[in-house]
Protein backbone atom coordinates (compact mmCIF):
# COMPACT_ATOMS: atom_id res chain seq x y z
CA MET A 1 0.08 0.10 0.12
CA LYS A 2 3.21 2.49 1.30
CA THR A 3 4.52 1.61 -2.66
CA LYS A 4 1.14 2.27 -4.13
CA ILE A 5 1.15 5.54 -2.71
CA ILE A 6 4.84 6.93 -3.02
CA SER A 7 4.23 5.58 -7.06
CA THR A 8 0.90 7.39 -6.84
CA LEU A 9 2.70 10.52 -5.46
CA PHE A 10 5.84 10.53 -7.96
CA PHE A 11 3.35 9.96 -10.83
CA CYS A 12 1.04 13.31 -9.82
CA LEU A 13 4.68 15.24 -9.71
CA CYS A 14 6.14 14.48 -12.71
CA SER A 15 2.68 15.46 -14.43
CA ILE A 16 2.55 18.34 -12.43
CA MET A 17 6.22 19.57 -13.30
CA THR A 18 5.79 18.69 -17.18
CA VAL A 19 2.69 20.75 -17.22
CA TYR A 20 5.06 23.37 -15.53
CA ALA A 21 8.03 23.01 -17.93
CA ARG A 22 5.33 23.42 -20.95
CA GLU A 23 4.04 26.57 -19.13
CA GLN A 24 7.62 28.07 -18.10
CA LYS A 25 9.70 26.43 -20.92
CA GLN A 26 11.38 28.91 -23.87
CA VAL A 27 11.96 27.08 -26.75
CA ARG A 28 14.41 27.66 -29.90
CA ILE A 29 13.30 26.71 -33.25
CA ALA A 30 15.94 26.41 -36.12
CA MET A 31 14.57 26.82 -39.35
CA THR A 32 16.67 26.17 -43.09
CA GLY A 33 15.48 26.62 -46.52
CA ASP A 34 15.50 24.44 -49.60
CA ILE A 35 16.93 20.91 -49.23
CA MET A 36 17.78 18.82 -52.47
CA MET A 37 20.32 15.85 -51.55
CA GLY A 38 20.76 14.95 -55.02
CA THR A 39 18.86 13.34 -58.28
CA THR A 40 18.80 10.38 -60.50
CA TYR A 41 16.77 12.41 -63.11
CA PRO A 42 17.49 13.23 -65.90
CA ASP A 43 20.27 11.49 -66.33
CA SER A 44 20.89 8.18 -68.23
CA ILE A 45 24.33 7.10 -65.85
CA GLN A 46 22.93 7.21 -62.75
CA GLY A 47 25.31 8.96 -59.54
CA ILE A 48 26.20 11.71 -61.64
CA HIS A 49 24.06 14.09 -59.35
CA LEU A 50 24.07 12.22 -56.41
CA PRO A 51 26.57 12.90 -53.39
CA LYS A 52 29.65 10.74 -52.34
CA LYS A 53 29.17 8.25 -49.15
CA ASN A 54 24.53 8.73 -49.95
CA GLY A 55 25.56 12.38 -48.52
CA ARG A 56 26.71 10.97 -45.13
CA HIS A 57 29.09 14.13 -44.73
CA LEU A 58 26.05 16.68 -46.42
CA PHE A 59 25.58 18.10 -43.28
CA ASP A 60 29.05 18.13 -40.71
CA HIS A 61 29.02 21.90 -40.89
CA VAL A 62 25.55 22.29 -39.13
CA THR A 63 24.18 19.48 -37.44
CA SER A 64 25.93 20.83 -34.23
CA ILE A 65 23.28 23.72 -34.37
CA ILE A 66 20.29 21.96 -35.91
CA LYS A 67 20.58 19.45 -32.62
CA ASP A 68 20.62 22.12 -30.23
CA ALA A 69 17.92 23.48 -30.69
CA ASP A 70 14.43 21.85 -29.45
CA ALA A 71 13.13 21.29 -32.51
CA ALA A 72 14.34 21.81 -36.56
CA PHE A 73 12.42 22.71 -39.59
CA GLY A 74 13.42 22.50 -43.23
CA ASN A 75 11.85 22.86 -46.79
CA LEU A 76 12.63 19.62 -48.70
CA GLU A 77 12.46 20.29 -52.59
CA SER A 78 12.41 16.86 -54.13
CA ASN A 79 10.97 13.92 -53.55
CA PHE A 80 12.32 10.29 -51.82
CA LEU A 81 11.81 7.41 -54.19
CA ASN A 82 14.14 4.62 -56.32
CA SER A 83 12.83 4.47 -59.60
CA GLY A 84 10.13 5.28 -62.02
CA GLY A 85 7.58 7.93 -61.30
CA LYS A 86 4.95 9.49 -63.54
CA PHE A 87 7.32 12.32 -64.62
CA LYS A 88 5.55 16.15 -65.19
CA ASP A 89 5.00 17.04 -68.76
CA LYS A 90 8.01 16.99 -70.89
CA ASN A 91 6.32 19.47 -72.83
CA ASN A 92 6.71 21.94 -70.58
CA LYS A 93 9.11 24.25 -70.06
CA ASP A 94 9.85 23.95 -66.24
CA ALA A 95 9.86 20.25 -66.10
CA PHE A 96 13.51 20.32 -66.72
CA PHE A 97 14.07 20.56 -63.44
CA ILE A 98 12.60 17.03 -61.77
CA PHE A 99 13.97 15.83 -58.54
CA ARG A 100 14.02 12.33 -58.11
CA THR A 101 16.41 11.35 -54.53
CA PRO A 102 17.37 8.13 -53.35
CA GLU A 103 15.24 6.92 -50.47
CA LYS A 104 18.61 6.05 -48.59
CA LEU A 105 19.67 9.77 -48.78
CA ALA A 106 16.56 10.49 -46.32
CA LYS A 107 18.44 9.25 -43.21
CA ASN A 108 20.97 12.49 -43.71
CA LEU A 109 17.85 14.35 -42.42
CA LYS A 110 16.87 12.41 -39.75
CA ASN A 111 21.14 11.93 -38.39
CA ALA A 112 21.05 15.94 -38.94
CA GLY A 113 18.46 16.76 -35.97
CA PHE A 114 15.71 17.59 -38.38
CA ASN A 115 12.49 16.97 -36.84
CA ALA A 116 9.77 18.01 -39.44
CA VAL A 117 10.24 19.67 -43.28
CA SER A 118 7.73 21.06 -45.94
CA ILE A 119 6.85 18.58 -48.49
CA ALA A 120 4.78 21.95 -49.82
CA ASN A 121 6.37 23.32 -53.06
CA ASN A 122 6.56 23.57 -56.93
CA HIS A 123 8.37 20.45 -56.99
CA THR A 124 6.13 17.57 -55.04
CA ASN A 125 4.40 16.74 -58.71
CA ASP A 126 7.69 16.06 -59.90
CA LEU A 127 6.68 12.18 -59.93
CA GLY A 128 3.12 12.41 -59.58
CA GLU A 129 0.96 10.85 -56.63
CA THR A 130 4.19 7.79 -57.03
CA GLY A 131 6.62 10.30 -55.63
CA ARG A 132 4.15 11.67 -52.85
CA ALA A 133 3.50 8.76 -51.53
CA SER A 134 6.66 7.61 -51.69
CA THR A 135 7.85 10.59 -49.87
CA ARG A 136 5.53 10.42 -47.05
CA ARG A 137 6.31 7.03 -46.66
CA THR A 138 10.04 7.47 -46.69
CA LEU A 139 9.69 10.04 -43.98
CA LYS A 140 7.25 8.18 -41.74
CA SER A 141 9.40 5.21 -41.63
CA LEU A 142 12.57 7.37 -40.12
CA GLY A 143 10.47 9.74 -37.84
CA ILE A 144 10.26 12.79 -39.55
CA ALA A 145 7.73 14.95 -39.30
CA TYR A 146 5.78 16.43 -42.40
CA ALA A 147 3.39 18.60 -44.12
CA GLY A 148 2.09 19.92 -47.09
CA HIS A 149 0.22 17.73 -48.86
CA THR A 150 -3.86 18.32 -49.68
CA GLY A 151 -5.79 15.81 -47.55
CA SER A 152 -4.84 14.08 -44.53
CA ALA A 153 -1.10 15.66 -44.89
CA GLN A 154 -1.66 19.59 -44.23
CA ALA A 155 -0.52 19.70 -41.44
CA VAL A 156 1.01 17.73 -37.99
CA LEU A 157 1.37 17.21 -34.98
CA PHE A 158 4.56 16.30 -33.16
CA GLU A 159 5.76 16.19 -29.33
CA GLU A 160 9.87 17.01 -28.33
CA LYS A 161 10.86 17.64 -25.22
CA GLY A 162 8.27 18.14 -23.66
CA ILE A 163 6.73 20.65 -26.17
CA LYS A 164 4.19 19.78 -28.40
CA TYR A 165 4.36 21.48 -31.95
CA GLY A 166 2.25 21.58 -34.75
CA PHE A 167 3.14 22.15 -38.30
CA CYS A 168 1.32 23.62 -41.31
CA ALA A 169 2.88 24.34 -44.72
CA PHE A 170 1.92 25.61 -47.93
CA SER A 171 2.54 26.55 -51.33
CA TYR A 172 1.71 27.95 -55.05
CA SER A 173 1.04 24.46 -56.50
CA PRO A 174 -1.46 22.31 -56.80
CA MET A 175 -1.77 19.31 -54.52
CA THR A 176 -0.77 21.19 -51.59
CA PRO A 177 -2.45 23.94 -49.55
CA SER A 178 -2.90 26.64 -50.90
CA ILE A 179 -0.76 30.08 -50.35
CA PHE A 180 -3.67 31.49 -52.20
CA ASP A 181 -6.79 30.61 -50.47
CA LEU A 182 -6.51 32.62 -47.14
CA ASP A 183 -9.60 31.41 -45.70
CA ALA A 184 -8.68 27.68 -45.88
CA ALA A 185 -5.32 29.05 -44.43
CA LYS A 186 -6.84 30.91 -41.19
CA THR A 187 -9.14 27.87 -41.18
CA LEU A 188 -6.62 25.28 -41.36
CA ILE A 189 -4.29 26.87 -38.64
CA SER A 190 -6.88 27.69 -36.68
CA SER A 191 -7.89 24.03 -36.26
CA VAL A 192 -4.32 22.68 -35.27
CA ARG A 193 -3.74 26.20 -32.82
CA SER A 194 -5.92 24.19 -30.16
CA GLU A 195 -4.09 21.41 -30.62
CA CYS A 196 -0.37 22.11 -29.89
CA ASP A 197 1.90 24.56 -27.53
CA ILE A 198 3.35 26.21 -30.37
CA LEU A 199 2.07 26.62 -34.20
CA VAL A 200 5.01 26.64 -37.24
CA VAL A 201 3.62 27.69 -40.54
CA SER A 202 5.85 26.95 -43.80
CA PHE A 203 5.31 28.53 -47.16
CA HIS A 204 6.67 28.46 -50.81
CA GLY A 205 6.45 31.81 -52.70
CA GLY A 206 7.18 34.20 -54.44
CA ALA A 207 9.80 35.07 -57.65
CA GLU A 208 12.70 33.85 -58.02
CA GLY A 209 16.55 35.03 -58.56
CA LEU A 210 18.83 37.32 -57.94
CA SER A 211 16.28 39.98 -59.03
CA PHE A 212 13.72 39.36 -56.35
CA LYS A 213 15.76 39.72 -53.59
CA HIS A 214 13.33 42.37 -52.01
CA ILE A 215 9.63 42.16 -51.28
CA PRO A 216 7.21 44.34 -53.81
CA PHE A 217 4.15 43.94 -51.16
CA LYS A 218 2.41 42.90 -53.77
CA GLU A 219 0.95 39.77 -55.67
CA GLU A 220 3.72 38.05 -57.71
CA THR A 221 4.25 36.72 -60.72
CA TYR A 222 7.38 34.39 -61.80
CA MET A 223 7.48 33.10 -65.48
CA GLU A 224 3.68 33.81 -65.92
CA GLN A 225 2.78 32.15 -63.12
CA PRO A 226 1.39 33.52 -60.08
CA ARG A 227 3.27 33.06 -56.52
CA GLY A 228 1.40 34.74 -54.05
CA ASN A 229 1.35 38.11 -52.04
CA VAL A 230 4.02 36.73 -49.38
CA VAL A 231 3.18 39.54 -47.02
CA LEU A 232 -0.14 39.29 -46.59
CA PHE A 233 -0.24 35.27 -46.67
CA ALA A 234 2.56 35.14 -43.53
CA ARG A 235 0.99 38.06 -41.59
CA THR A 236 -2.71 36.93 -42.01
CA CYS A 237 -0.95 33.52 -40.67
CA ILE A 238 0.31 35.18 -37.49
CA ASP A 239 -3.59 36.75 -36.92
CA ALA A 240 -4.86 33.44 -37.25
CA GLY A 241 -2.41 31.96 -34.50
CA ALA A 242 0.36 30.92 -36.10
CA ASP A 243 3.58 31.36 -33.71
CA LEU A 244 6.48 31.61 -36.54
CA VAL A 245 6.09 31.75 -40.04
CA PHE A 246 8.74 30.59 -42.34
CA GLY A 247 9.08 30.89 -46.18
CA HIS A 248 11.21 29.57 -49.30
CA GLY A 249 11.20 29.48 -52.95
CA PRO A 250 12.86 32.54 -54.49
CA HIS A 251 16.21 30.94 -53.79
CA VAL A 252 18.09 33.85 -52.43
CA LEU A 253 17.37 35.68 -49.01
CA ARG A 254 14.45 37.91 -48.28
CA ALA A 255 13.96 39.86 -45.21
CA ILE A 256 12.82 39.25 -41.91
CA GLU A 257 10.36 41.16 -39.61
CA LEU A 258 8.29 40.88 -36.20
CA TYR A 259 5.02 41.48 -36.47
CA LYS A 260 2.77 41.31 -33.47
CA ASN A 261 5.78 39.81 -31.54
CA HIS A 262 6.20 37.30 -33.87
CA LEU A 263 9.02 36.13 -36.34
CA ILE A 264 8.11 36.05 -39.74
CA ALA A 265 11.40 34.78 -42.45
CA TYR A 266 10.31 35.86 -46.29
CA SER A 267 13.04 33.15 -47.41
CA LEU A 268 15.90 31.27 -46.27
CA GLY A 269 16.90 30.35 -50.10
CA ASN A 270 18.63 27.27 -50.57
CA PHE A 271 20.41 25.19 -47.83
CA CYS A 272 21.42 21.63 -48.97
CA THR A 273 21.23 21.96 -53.28
CA PRO A 274 24.35 20.79 -54.08
CA PHE A 275 23.36 19.21 -57.76
CA ARG A 276 21.36 20.81 -60.38
CA ILE A 277 20.21 24.36 -58.75
CA ASN A 278 22.25 27.07 -59.35
CA LEU A 279 24.67 28.61 -56.79
CA LYS A 280 25.57 31.66 -58.11
CA GLU A 281 26.74 34.36 -56.01
CA ALA A 282 24.10 34.84 -52.79
CA MET A 283 22.13 32.36 -54.30
CA GLY A 284 24.75 30.21 -52.47
CA TYR A 285 23.82 31.52 -49.27
CA ALA A 286 22.72 29.04 -47.03
CA PRO A 287 21.61 30.32 -43.07
CA ILE A 288 20.50 28.09 -40.44
CA LEU A 289 17.92 31.08 -38.50
CA VAL A 290 17.41 30.05 -34.68
CA ALA A 291 14.65 31.74 -33.18
CA GLU A 292 13.74 31.76 -29.20
CA LEU A 293 10.88 32.12 -28.39
CA ASP A 294 8.37 32.45 -24.98
CA ASN A 295 5.98 29.82 -24.43
CA LYS A 296 3.56 32.29 -25.83
CA GLY A 297 5.30 31.87 -29.13
CA HIS A 298 6.42 35.73 -28.95
CA PHE A 299 9.44 36.04 -30.55
CA LEU A 300 12.54 36.81 -27.32
CA LYS A 301 15.84 36.61 -29.74
CA GLY A 302 17.46 34.44 -32.62
CA ASN A 303 20.84 34.41 -34.74
CA ILE A 304 21.97 34.20 -38.29
CA TYR A 305 24.41 30.93 -38.72
CA SER A 306 26.27 31.83 -41.97
CA PHE A 307 27.23 29.16 -44.29
CA ILE A 308 27.59 29.14 -47.78
CA GLN A 309 26.96 26.37 -50.72
CA LYS A 310 29.57 25.21 -53.94
CA PRO A 311 29.06 22.83 -56.54
CA GLY A 312 28.61 19.48 -54.81
CA THR A 313 29.24 20.34 -51.24
CA GLY A 314 26.70 20.46 -48.15
CA PRO A 315 27.07 23.49 -46.37
CA ILE A 316 29.72 24.61 -44.85
CA LYS A 317 30.83 27.65 -42.51
CA ASP A 318 30.76 30.62 -43.96
CA GLU A 319 33.60 33.24 -41.65
CA ASP A 320 32.64 36.42 -43.35
CA ASN A 321 28.79 35.72 -42.26
CA LEU A 322 27.94 36.74 -46.14
CA ALA A 323 24.12 35.27 -45.06
CA ALA A 324 23.64 37.80 -41.60
CA HIS A 325 24.62 40.58 -43.88
CA GLU A 326 22.19 39.93 -46.50
CA ILE A 327 19.19 39.37 -44.29
CA LYS A 328 20.34 42.43 -42.23
CA GLU A 329 20.84 44.77 -45.34
CA LEU A 330 17.19 43.68 -46.51
CA THR A 331 15.78 43.90 -43.69
CA LEU A 332 16.71 47.43 -42.92
CA ALA A 333 15.50 48.01 -46.44
CA ASP A 334 12.25 46.69 -46.64
CA PHE A 335 10.76 46.91 -43.09
CA PRO A 336 12.31 49.93 -41.51
CA ASP A 337 10.25 50.50 -39.01
CA THR A 338 10.68 46.52 -37.77
CA GLU A 339 11.33 46.14 -33.66
CA ILE A 340 14.32 44.07 -34.54
CA ILE A 341 18.24 44.41 -34.54
CA ILE A 342 20.37 41.78 -36.31
CA SER A 343 24.40 42.63 -35.50
CA ASP A 344 27.32 41.87 -37.89
CA ASN A 345 27.45 38.22 -36.54
CA GLY A 346 23.59 37.54 -37.22
CA ASN A 347 22.82 38.01 -33.31
CA ILE A 348 19.10 39.00 -33.51
CA GLU A 349 17.96 41.20 -30.37
CA ARG A 350 14.07 42.65 -29.98
CA THR A 351 14.61 47.02 -29.52
CA LYS A 352 11.79 47.12 -27.45
CA THR A 353 11.22 44.62 -24.72
CA LEU A 354 8.76 42.42 -24.81
CA LEU A 355 5.86 43.47 -22.18
CA PRO A 356 4.92 41.32 -19.80
CA ASP A 357 1.33 39.09 -20.33
CA VAL A 358 -0.60 41.10 -17.22
CA LEU A 359 0.34 44.37 -19.12
CA THR A 360 -0.61 44.06 -22.88
CA GLU A 361 -4.62 44.32 -21.45
CA LEU A 362 -3.57 47.26 -19.62
CA ASN A 363 -5.65 49.93 -21.52
CA THR A 364 -8.40 47.58 -21.62
CA ILE A 365 -8.72 46.96 -17.77
CA ILE A 366 -8.22 51.29 -17.31
CA GLN A 367 -11.23 52.35 -19.93
CA PRO A 368 -13.85 51.59 -17.10
CA TYR A 369 -12.36 53.62 -14.94
CA LEU A 370 -11.83 57.06 -16.99
CA GLY A 371 -13.53 59.96 -16.17
CA LYS A 372 -14.24 58.91 -12.58
CA ARG A 373 -14.41 61.87 -9.82
CA TYR A 374 -11.22 62.94 -7.84
CA ARG A 375 -11.64 62.62 -4.28
CA ARG A 376 -8.73 62.88 -1.82
CA GLY A 377 -8.02 59.12 0.30
CA ALA A 378 -10.06 57.44 -2.42
CA GLN A 379 -9.67 53.89 -3.66
CA GLY A 380 -11.89 53.48 -6.21
CA PRO A 381 -13.72 52.12 -7.65
CA SER A 382 -16.36 54.85 -8.05
CA SER A 383 -13.83 58.16 -7.07
CA PHE A 384 -10.28 57.66 -6.93
CA ASP A 385 -7.14 59.99 -5.76
CA CYS A 386 -3.72 59.50 -7.47
CA SER A 387 -2.18 56.68 -5.77
CA GLY A 388 -5.75 55.26 -4.99
CA PHE A 389 -6.06 54.47 -8.80
CA THR A 390 -2.66 53.73 -9.85
CA SER A 391 -2.84 51.09 -6.83
CA PHE A 392 -6.43 49.77 -7.50
CA ILE A 393 -5.21 49.48 -11.24
CA TYR A 394 -2.61 46.97 -9.77
CA ASP A 395 -4.70 45.21 -7.72
CA GLN A 396 -6.77 44.52 -10.86
CA LEU A 397 -3.36 43.31 -12.32
CA GLY A 398 -2.73 40.92 -9.68
CA TYR A 399 0.15 43.25 -8.03
CA LYS A 400 0.13 45.13 -4.62
CA ILE A 401 2.02 48.35 -4.84
CA SER A 402 2.18 51.02 -1.47
CA ARG A 403 -0.54 52.95 -0.97
CA SER A 404 1.01 56.81 -1.16
CA SER A 405 2.79 58.13 -3.90
CA ARG A 406 5.79 59.08 -2.09
CA GLU A 407 6.02 55.31 -0.81
CA GLN A 408 5.02 53.60 -4.56
CA TYR A 409 8.17 55.63 -5.54
CA GLN A 410 9.96 53.68 -3.70
CA ASP A 411 8.01 50.03 -5.15
CA GLY A 412 9.98 48.25 -7.96
CA LYS A 413 13.20 49.59 -10.12
CA SER A 414 13.98 53.42 -11.55
CA VAL A 415 13.67 53.61 -15.40
CA SER A 416 15.13 56.23 -17.11
CA LYS A 417 12.42 58.20 -19.22
CA LYS A 418 13.95 56.88 -22.51
CA GLU A 419 13.35 53.44 -21.10
CA LEU A 420 9.85 54.19 -20.50
CA GLN A 421 7.42 51.36 -21.33
CA ILE A 422 3.76 50.49 -20.94
CA GLY A 423 2.54 49.92 -17.26
CA ASP A 424 5.54 51.71 -15.61
CA LEU A 425 4.82 54.52 -12.81
CA VAL A 426 5.28 58.24 -13.38
CA PHE A 427 5.74 60.51 -10.28
CA PHE A 428 5.41 64.62 -10.19
CA GLY A 429 6.49 66.59 -7.47
CA SER A 430 5.79 70.66 -6.67
CA ARG A 431 8.07 73.03 -9.08
CA GLY A 432 11.02 73.86 -7.32
CA LEU A 433 11.31 70.97 -5.52
CA SER A 434 11.37 67.92 -7.92
CA ARG A 435 11.99 65.45 -4.88
CA ASN A 436 8.74 66.55 -2.97
CA ILE A 437 6.24 63.93 -4.65
CA ASN A 438 3.07 64.61 -4.44
CA HIS A 439 1.56 62.87 -7.52
CA VAL A 440 1.48 59.51 -10.06
CA GLY A 441 0.35 58.44 -12.96
CA ILE A 442 0.37 55.29 -14.73
CA VAL A 443 2.20 55.31 -18.56
CA VAL A 444 -0.67 53.62 -21.13
CA GLN A 445 1.61 54.61 -24.75
CA VAL A 446 4.68 55.01 -25.44
CA ASP A 447 6.37 56.70 -28.73
CA PRO A 448 9.10 54.72 -30.24
CA GLU A 449 10.49 57.53 -32.74
CA THR A 450 10.15 60.84 -29.89
CA GLY A 451 10.21 59.16 -26.22
CA ASN A 452 7.06 60.81 -25.62
CA PHE A 453 4.11 58.98 -23.81
CA LYS A 454 0.25 58.94 -22.67
CA PHE A 455 -0.18 58.23 -19.06
CA ALA A 456 -3.40 57.58 -16.90
CA HIS A 457 -3.94 59.84 -13.88
CA ALA A 458 -6.55 61.16 -11.15
CA SER A 459 -6.53 64.27 -11.08
CA ASN A 460 -8.80 66.95 -10.43
CA ARG A 461 -10.53 66.90 -13.16
CA GLY A 462 -11.32 62.93 -12.89
CA THR A 463 -9.52 59.76 -14.31
CA VAL A 464 -8.05 61.12 -17.41
CA ILE A 465 -5.03 60.30 -20.32
CA ASP A 466 -3.02 63.09 -20.72
CA ASP A 467 -0.43 63.29 -23.18
CA PHE A 468 3.00 64.34 -21.73
CA GLY A 469 4.47 65.98 -24.71
CA LYS A 470 1.22 68.80 -24.43
CA GLU A 471 0.70 69.12 -20.82
CA ALA A 472 3.46 72.05 -19.57
CA TYR A 473 2.25 71.67 -16.08
CA TYR A 474 3.47 68.40 -15.83
CA GLN A 475 6.73 68.39 -17.72
CA GLN A 476 7.47 70.94 -15.29
CA ARG A 477 7.20 68.87 -12.34
CA TYR A 478 8.55 65.37 -13.44
CA VAL A 479 10.40 63.69 -11.09
CA GLY A 480 11.37 60.35 -12.53
CA ALA A 481 9.59 56.60 -13.19
CA ARG A 482 9.40 53.13 -11.44
CA ARG A 483 8.67 50.05 -13.28
CA ILE A 484 6.77 47.57 -11.10
CA ILE A 485 6.24 44.43 -13.27
CA GLU A 486 9.34 43.00 -15.22
CA GLU A 487 9.23 40.54 -18.27
C-alpha cells in the first residue's frame, strides 16, 4: 500500500512538472530553406548528380547547431523515390527540373537533427502520386514529421522535449494547401492551434532569382505563374494563430520582420542543394535561422548562422557571415520600422522589451474607470485620488503596491524616461521641489520615435489620460519613473 501511494505521488509530481515545464520553457527553433540532396533524373548515368558516400557528410558543418535546437524545420525540395514515377509533362519548359532523390539519402535529414520538413512546393508533383506517396512513406519510416500535401498531410502534430508542435505548410502548387486561399489557411491554422503549444507555418512563395531579393508587397508572378502575396499571407497566418512563419522558394534570402511579437522570415533561400540548382553569388548563401520563443510563442531573440554552398558540397561555415549581412541589409531596406536589430555576426535582438502578458490588457482594464471623479483618500472604484487609482489598477493586474505616491516611488526599480514602457509608474512633484513627490500616474502609451508618452491618472479633472508632450505643467514637475512588473 505504501509503495502504491509513493508511486501515485511520483506520477502526480511528474505530471505537475511537465505542465510547469510547458508553461515556463523557452524554446529554440531552427529553420532552413530548400533541401535537395541529389537526383537520379534526368541522367542516364546514375550517380552524376548524387553526393559521395550517400550524403553522409553533407550536413557535417551544421549538425551541431540543428541538434542544439529544441525543434528543427526545413523545406524538402524533392521527392524520395528510388526509380520510376510519373514525370511532369516534358513539353512543359519547367519540367526539366525534376528531382528524384534516392530514399536512402533521407536518413541524412534524421542524422542531422531535422524534426519536420515541408513537402509543399513546386517539386512535390515532379513524379506524380507515386513520388508523393513514396516521400511520405520514407519520412514516416524515419520518424520525421511532414506537412504540405492536400488531404490528411496538410498539417502535423509532434512532440519534442515536452513541447507539442503544430506544423502547417503551404505553396502555390497543385496538391498542396494553397497560399492563395487565405480563408482555408486561417481555418487550417485555427484547427491546429488548439492542439499544440507552438505552431510553425512554412510557405513556398515569391518570384525566383537574384533580381527578386526585395519583397514587392503585392502579388508576385514568375514566368507568368502566380506566386502569391507573401506579406499578406504570412501576416494572415500570424493573425490566425501561428507563432512563427518561415518562407522559401525564391532561391535567395529575403528580409525578416517582427509582426505582433512574432517572427516572419520571408525566404531562407537554398540550404543543401549541391546539384542542379544555381548557387551563383547570393544563391549560394545557406543560413540556419534560430529563433528563441517564450511559452506564448512570442519572439525573444535569435541568431542567423551563416553558411555557404558550392556545387557538390553541403553547407560550409562562412567566416564572413555573408548570409547574416544579406538578411540584415534586406530587412533594413524592406522593413525599416520593424522592431528587431541584426548584428554583423547574426545576433537578432528586439529594439523594445517584450511586454509582460499582464500589461497587454492594461488599457482595457483602465478604460471603465476613466471619467471617475477625484476625491482625496479615495481608492475606487467610484472615485480615486492619484495613488488610490494606481494601486487599484495594479490590484486588478494582480500586484500589490504601496498606498501613497511617495511610498510607490520606492516600489519596483527606477527607469529613465527614454526606457519607459507601458505599465511604468511616472511621478511628479512641486515645482522647484522636484523630490517632494505629490502625484503619480500609469504609462499607457509610448511613442518609440520621440520617446513621448501618455499616462492615465486621477487629477482634479477626474481620471483621465494626458499626453506628457503637450502638458507643460507636468513636464516642469516630472521626477522619475518606476517599473513594477518585469518581463
